[in-house]
Amino acid sequence: MPGQSWAAQGQAQRQPHEYVRNGTAKLLTLFCPGSGELRAKGVTAAPNVVLHPWLQQELTAVLDQLPAAPPVTDTASNHGAWETWQRGLKISITLPAILPQLRLLLVWDNLKGHLTPTLVLWLFSHGVMPLYTPLSGSWLNMAESIQRIIGRRALAGQYLQTAQQIIDTLEATVRGWNKDPTPFHWGGKRQARRLRSRQRQHALAGSGACTRRPLRRRPSALQKLLSGCQLTH
């Protein structure tokens, strides 16, 4: 099974003497956690002129697969549905006065290129609500996880010498992933604590058995003795 690197035991990993840096590759990623479907494209650079058209094309394809949105009959309630996703934010985006039905949530990093007015207005006009992860909070974006998975599967144990080889390998790995995608769901320590609190479960003796309330423990002989003693000065 390929590993992340190959090196003799006790020796540091080194690049081969033939190694020449022939550029880098990036993977544009649009991930649907509910289905596990991954839309991705390998590029050598990702400026706005490359990212925005690709993103609009892929989002249009995703929206075409969704049920048709009904016409807006109540402008106030429809606007409130959009505003719900901005509650609690210190800085929120100004929503247009007229909005279509909300159809899709787009979670991505808080980068300057993602705040371009023309792109944001395009998202609004197509029923897409952008949600930005906070600074230093990219771990909240599940696309970061799938990128690491694809990168490891594609590049572990490989010696690819050009950017195009890297792109071809990444895209082939994405096609393999989509043949049997794995849905993701949100977890983490906070979610686990909330779940335990809601369930009010108490584990028993290190097994998978639980109770809704903690078992009453019988006092030990020492505890009985101490409870019957009276301290005097």
Protein backbone atom coordinates (compact mmCIF):
# COMPACT_ATOMS: atom_id res chain seq x y z
CA MET A 1 0.00 0.00 0.00
CA PRO A 2 1.57 3.34 -0.98
CA GLY A 3 2.65 5.66 1.78
CA GLN A 4 3.10 9.41 1.83
CA SER A 5 6.83 9.10 1.24
CA TRP A 6 9.53 6.50 0.72
CA ALA A 7 12.83 6.63 2.60
CA ALA A 8 15.26 4.16 4.15
CA GLN A 9 14.68 3.58 7.84
CA GLY A 10 16.64 6.05 9.95
CA GLN A 11 17.37 8.37 7.03
CA ALA A 12 15.65 11.63 6.23
CA GLN A 13 13.59 11.87 3.08
CA ARG A 14 15.44 13.58 0.21
CA GLN A 15 14.44 14.67 -3.23
CA PRO A 16 16.17 12.72 -6.01
CA HIS A 17 19.06 14.54 -7.60
CA GLU A 18 17.06 14.71 -10.86
CA TYR A 19 14.31 16.72 -9.12
CA VAL A 20 13.39 19.98 -10.81
CA ARG A 21 10.45 22.12 -9.74
CA ASN A 22 8.39 22.36 -12.91
CA GLY A 23 5.50 24.38 -11.51
CA THR A 24 2.60 23.65 -9.20
CA ALA A 25 -0.96 22.41 -9.57
CA LYS A 26 -4.19 23.39 -7.81
CA LEU A 27 -7.50 21.58 -7.53
CA LEU A 28 -10.67 23.66 -7.85
CA THR A 29 -13.20 21.89 -5.66
CA LEU A 30 -16.98 21.96 -5.22
CA PHE A 31 -18.15 19.31 -2.76
CA CYS A 32 -21.67 18.23 -1.78
CA PRO A 33 -21.46 16.64 1.71
CA GLY A 34 -24.97 15.16 1.57
CA SER A 35 -24.27 13.00 -1.49
CA GLY A 36 -20.48 12.90 -1.40
CA GLU A 37 -20.35 14.06 -5.04
CA LEU A 38 -17.19 15.96 -5.89
CA ARG A 39 -16.77 18.38 -8.76
CA ALA A 40 -13.15 19.32 -9.31
CA LYS A 41 -10.76 20.60 -11.93
CA GLY A 42 -6.98 20.72 -11.91
CA VAL A 43 -5.34 24.01 -12.88
CA THR A 44 -1.87 25.53 -12.67
CA ALA A 45 -3.24 28.82 -11.23
CA ALA A 46 -6.58 29.93 -9.81
CA PRO A 47 -7.11 33.67 -10.38
CA ASN A 48 -10.65 35.02 -10.52
CA VAL A 49 -10.76 34.77 -14.31
CA VAL A 50 -10.29 31.00 -13.92
CA LEU A 51 -12.17 30.32 -10.68
CA HIS A 52 -15.34 32.36 -11.22
CA PRO A 53 -16.38 30.97 -14.66
CA TRP A 54 -15.70 27.40 -13.49
CA LEU A 55 -17.68 27.92 -10.28
CA GLN A 56 -20.62 29.47 -12.13
CA GLN A 57 -20.64 26.60 -14.61
CA GLU A 58 -20.60 23.93 -11.91
CA LEU A 59 -23.19 25.66 -9.72
CA THR A 60 -25.49 26.01 -12.73
CA ALA A 61 -25.18 22.27 -13.33
CA VAL A 62 -25.99 21.56 -9.68
CA LEU A 63 -29.02 23.87 -9.71
CA ASP A 64 -30.31 22.23 -12.89
CA GLN A 65 -30.46 18.92 -11.01
CA LEU A 66 -32.61 20.40 -8.23
CA PRO A 67 -36.41 20.65 -8.39
CA ALA A 68 -37.65 23.83 -10.02
CA ALA A 69 -38.08 26.67 -7.53
CA PRO A 70 -41.64 27.95 -7.11
CA PRO A 71 -42.27 31.63 -7.76
CA VAL A 72 -41.97 34.03 -4.84
CA THR A 73 -45.40 35.01 -3.55
CA ASP A 74 -44.47 36.55 -0.20
CA THR A 75 -41.46 38.83 -0.56
CA ALA A 76 -41.10 39.47 3.19
CA SER A 77 -41.06 35.81 4.25
CA ASN A 78 -38.76 34.92 1.38
CA HIS A 79 -36.35 37.66 2.42
CA GLY A 80 -36.54 36.38 5.99
CA ALA A 81 -35.50 32.89 4.83
CA TRP A 82 -32.29 34.41 3.45
CA GLU A 83 -31.71 36.57 6.53
CA THR A 84 -31.93 33.52 8.79
CA TRP A 85 -28.51 32.39 7.57
CA GLN A 86 -26.93 35.71 8.57
CA ARG A 87 -28.15 35.80 12.15
CA GLY A 88 -25.34 36.01 14.68
CA LEU A 89 -22.76 37.20 12.17
CA LYS A 90 -20.68 40.22 13.16
CA ILE A 91 -20.40 41.25 9.52
CA SER A 92 -23.20 40.31 7.14
CA ILE A 93 -23.66 40.81 3.42
CA THR A 94 -26.24 43.34 2.29
CA LEU A 95 -28.96 41.33 0.59
CA PRO A 96 -30.73 42.71 -2.48
CA ALA A 97 -34.29 43.88 -1.95
CA ILE A 98 -35.64 41.34 -4.46
CA LEU A 99 -34.43 37.76 -4.16
CA PRO A 100 -35.46 34.45 -5.75
CA GLN A 101 -36.22 31.35 -3.72
CA LEU A 102 -33.24 30.17 -1.66
CA ARG A 103 -32.05 26.94 -3.29
CA LEU A 104 -28.47 26.29 -2.25
CA LEU A 105 -25.93 27.09 0.47
CA LEU A 106 -22.33 27.64 -0.58
CA VAL A 107 -19.73 27.39 2.19
CA TRP A 108 -16.28 28.68 1.31
CA ASP A 109 -13.26 30.52 2.65
CA ASN A 110 -13.31 34.24 3.42
CA LEU A 111 -10.96 35.18 0.59
CA LYS A 112 -10.92 38.45 -1.31
CA GLY A 113 -11.75 36.74 -4.58
CA HIS A 114 -14.85 35.21 -3.01
CA LEU A 115 -16.17 38.65 -2.09
CA THR A 116 -16.19 40.06 -5.62
CA PRO A 117 -19.48 42.00 -5.98
CA THR A 118 -20.27 40.68 -9.46
CA LEU A 119 -19.86 37.08 -8.32
CA VAL A 120 -21.85 37.57 -5.10
CA LEU A 121 -24.69 39.21 -7.00
CA TRP A 122 -24.65 36.35 -9.49
CA LEU A 123 -25.01 33.89 -6.59
CA PHE A 124 -27.95 35.83 -5.16
CA SER A 125 -29.70 36.00 -8.53
CA HIS A 126 -29.48 32.20 -8.83
CA GLY A 127 -30.75 31.44 -5.33
CA VAL A 128 -27.35 30.63 -3.81
CA MET A 129 -26.49 31.91 -0.33
CA PRO A 130 -22.70 32.26 0.27
CA LEU A 131 -21.57 31.47 3.81
CA TYR A 132 -18.00 32.45 4.64
CA THR A 133 -15.86 30.62 7.17
CA PRO A 134 -14.19 32.93 9.72
CA LEU A 135 -10.51 33.80 9.45
CA SER A 136 -8.33 30.85 10.54
CA GLY A 137 -11.46 28.71 10.37
CA SER A 138 -11.03 26.91 7.06
CA TRP A 139 -11.36 23.62 8.99
CA LEU A 140 -15.09 24.41 9.08
CA ASN A 141 -15.21 23.83 5.32
CA MET A 142 -15.66 20.14 4.47
CA ALA A 143 -14.02 20.74 1.09
CA GLU A 144 -10.72 20.99 2.97
CA SER A 145 -11.17 17.40 4.14
CA ILE A 146 -12.00 15.97 0.73
CA GLN A 147 -9.03 17.81 -0.80
CA ARG A 148 -6.67 16.15 1.66
CA ILE A 149 -8.22 12.75 0.94
CA ILE A 150 -7.91 13.15 -2.83
CA GLY A 151 -4.38 14.56 -2.54
CA ARG A 152 -3.16 11.64 -0.47
CA ARG A 153 -4.78 9.04 -2.68
CA ALA A 154 -3.43 10.62 -5.84
CA LEU A 155 0.10 11.58 -4.81
CA ALA A 156 1.16 9.17 -2.06
CA GLY A 157 4.17 7.15 -3.23
CA GLN A 158 4.19 8.85 -6.64
CA TYR A 159 7.03 10.69 -8.34
CA LEU A 160 5.25 13.02 -10.74
CA GLN A 161 7.56 15.33 -12.63
CA THR A 162 5.25 17.89 -14.26
CA ALA A 163 2.24 19.93 -13.23
CA GLN A 164 0.16 18.29 -15.94
CA GLN A 165 0.96 14.84 -14.56
CA ILE A 166 -0.21 16.00 -11.13
CA ILE A 167 -3.42 17.43 -12.63
CA ASP A 168 -4.15 14.24 -14.58
CA THR A 169 -3.60 12.08 -11.49
CA LEU A 170 -5.79 14.29 -9.28
CA GLU A 171 -8.64 14.36 -11.79
CA ALA A 172 -8.43 10.57 -12.28
CA THR A 173 -8.66 10.15 -8.51
CA VAL A 174 -11.73 12.41 -8.43
CA ARG A 175 -13.41 10.27 -11.10
CA GLY A 176 -12.67 7.20 -9.03
CA TRP A 177 -14.14 8.85 -5.92
CA ASN A 178 -17.38 9.75 -7.73
CA LYS A 179 -17.95 6.14 -8.74
CA ASP A 180 -18.68 5.36 -5.08
CA PRO A 181 -18.84 8.67 -3.18
CA THR A 182 -18.99 8.80 0.61
CA PRO A 183 -21.42 11.32 2.17
CA PHE A 184 -20.04 13.50 4.96
CA HIS A 185 -21.81 14.84 8.03
CA TRP A 186 -20.73 17.40 10.56
CA GLY A 187 -19.07 16.08 13.70
CA GLY A 188 -16.43 17.35 16.08
CA LYS A 189 -16.09 17.61 19.84
CA ARG A 190 -18.79 20.24 20.28
CA GLN A 191 -21.28 18.21 18.28
CA ALA A 192 -20.46 15.13 20.34
CA ARG A 193 -21.01 17.04 23.59
CA ARG A 194 -24.36 18.35 22.36
CA LEU A 195 -25.40 14.87 21.31
CA ARG A 196 -24.51 13.39 24.70
CA SER A 197 -26.35 16.20 26.43
CA ARG A 198 -29.49 15.64 24.37
CA GLN A 199 -29.43 11.91 24.81
CA ARG A 200 -28.50 12.13 28.50
CA GLN A 201 -26.74 8.82 28.27
CA HIS A 202 -24.25 7.37 30.73
CA ALA A 203 -21.81 4.69 29.59
CA LEU A 204 -21.63 1.51 31.66
CA ALA A 205 -18.40 -0.24 32.57
CA GLY A 206 -16.56 0.74 29.40
CA SER A 207 -18.95 -1.08 27.05
CA GLY A 208 -21.43 0.23 24.54
CA ALA A 209 -24.29 -0.12 27.05
CA CYS A 210 -25.76 3.13 28.38
CA THR A 211 -28.46 4.31 30.76
CA ARG A 212 -30.62 7.41 30.63
CA ARG A 213 -29.65 8.23 34.22
CA PRO A 214 -26.56 7.31 36.26
CA LEU A 215 -26.74 4.21 38.41
CA ARG A 216 -26.86 4.70 42.16
CA ARG A 217 -23.67 3.39 43.68
CA ARG A 218 -23.76 1.51 46.93
CA PRO A 219 -21.56 3.11 49.61
CA SER A 220 -18.42 1.16 50.45
CA ALA A 221 -17.68 -0.08 53.97
CA LEU A 222 -15.19 2.74 54.46
CA GLN A 223 -17.77 5.34 53.41
CA LYS A 224 -20.28 3.86 55.88
CA LEU A 225 -17.66 3.99 58.63
CA LEU A 226 -16.74 7.58 57.87
CA SER A 227 -20.35 8.66 57.69
CA GLY A 228 -20.92 7.31 61.24
CA CYS A 229 -17.89 9.03 62.74
CA GLN A 230 -18.08 12.40 64.41
CA LEU A 231 -15.11 14.67 64.58
CA THR A 232 -14.39 16.33 67.92
CA HIS A 233 -11.93 18.99 68.87
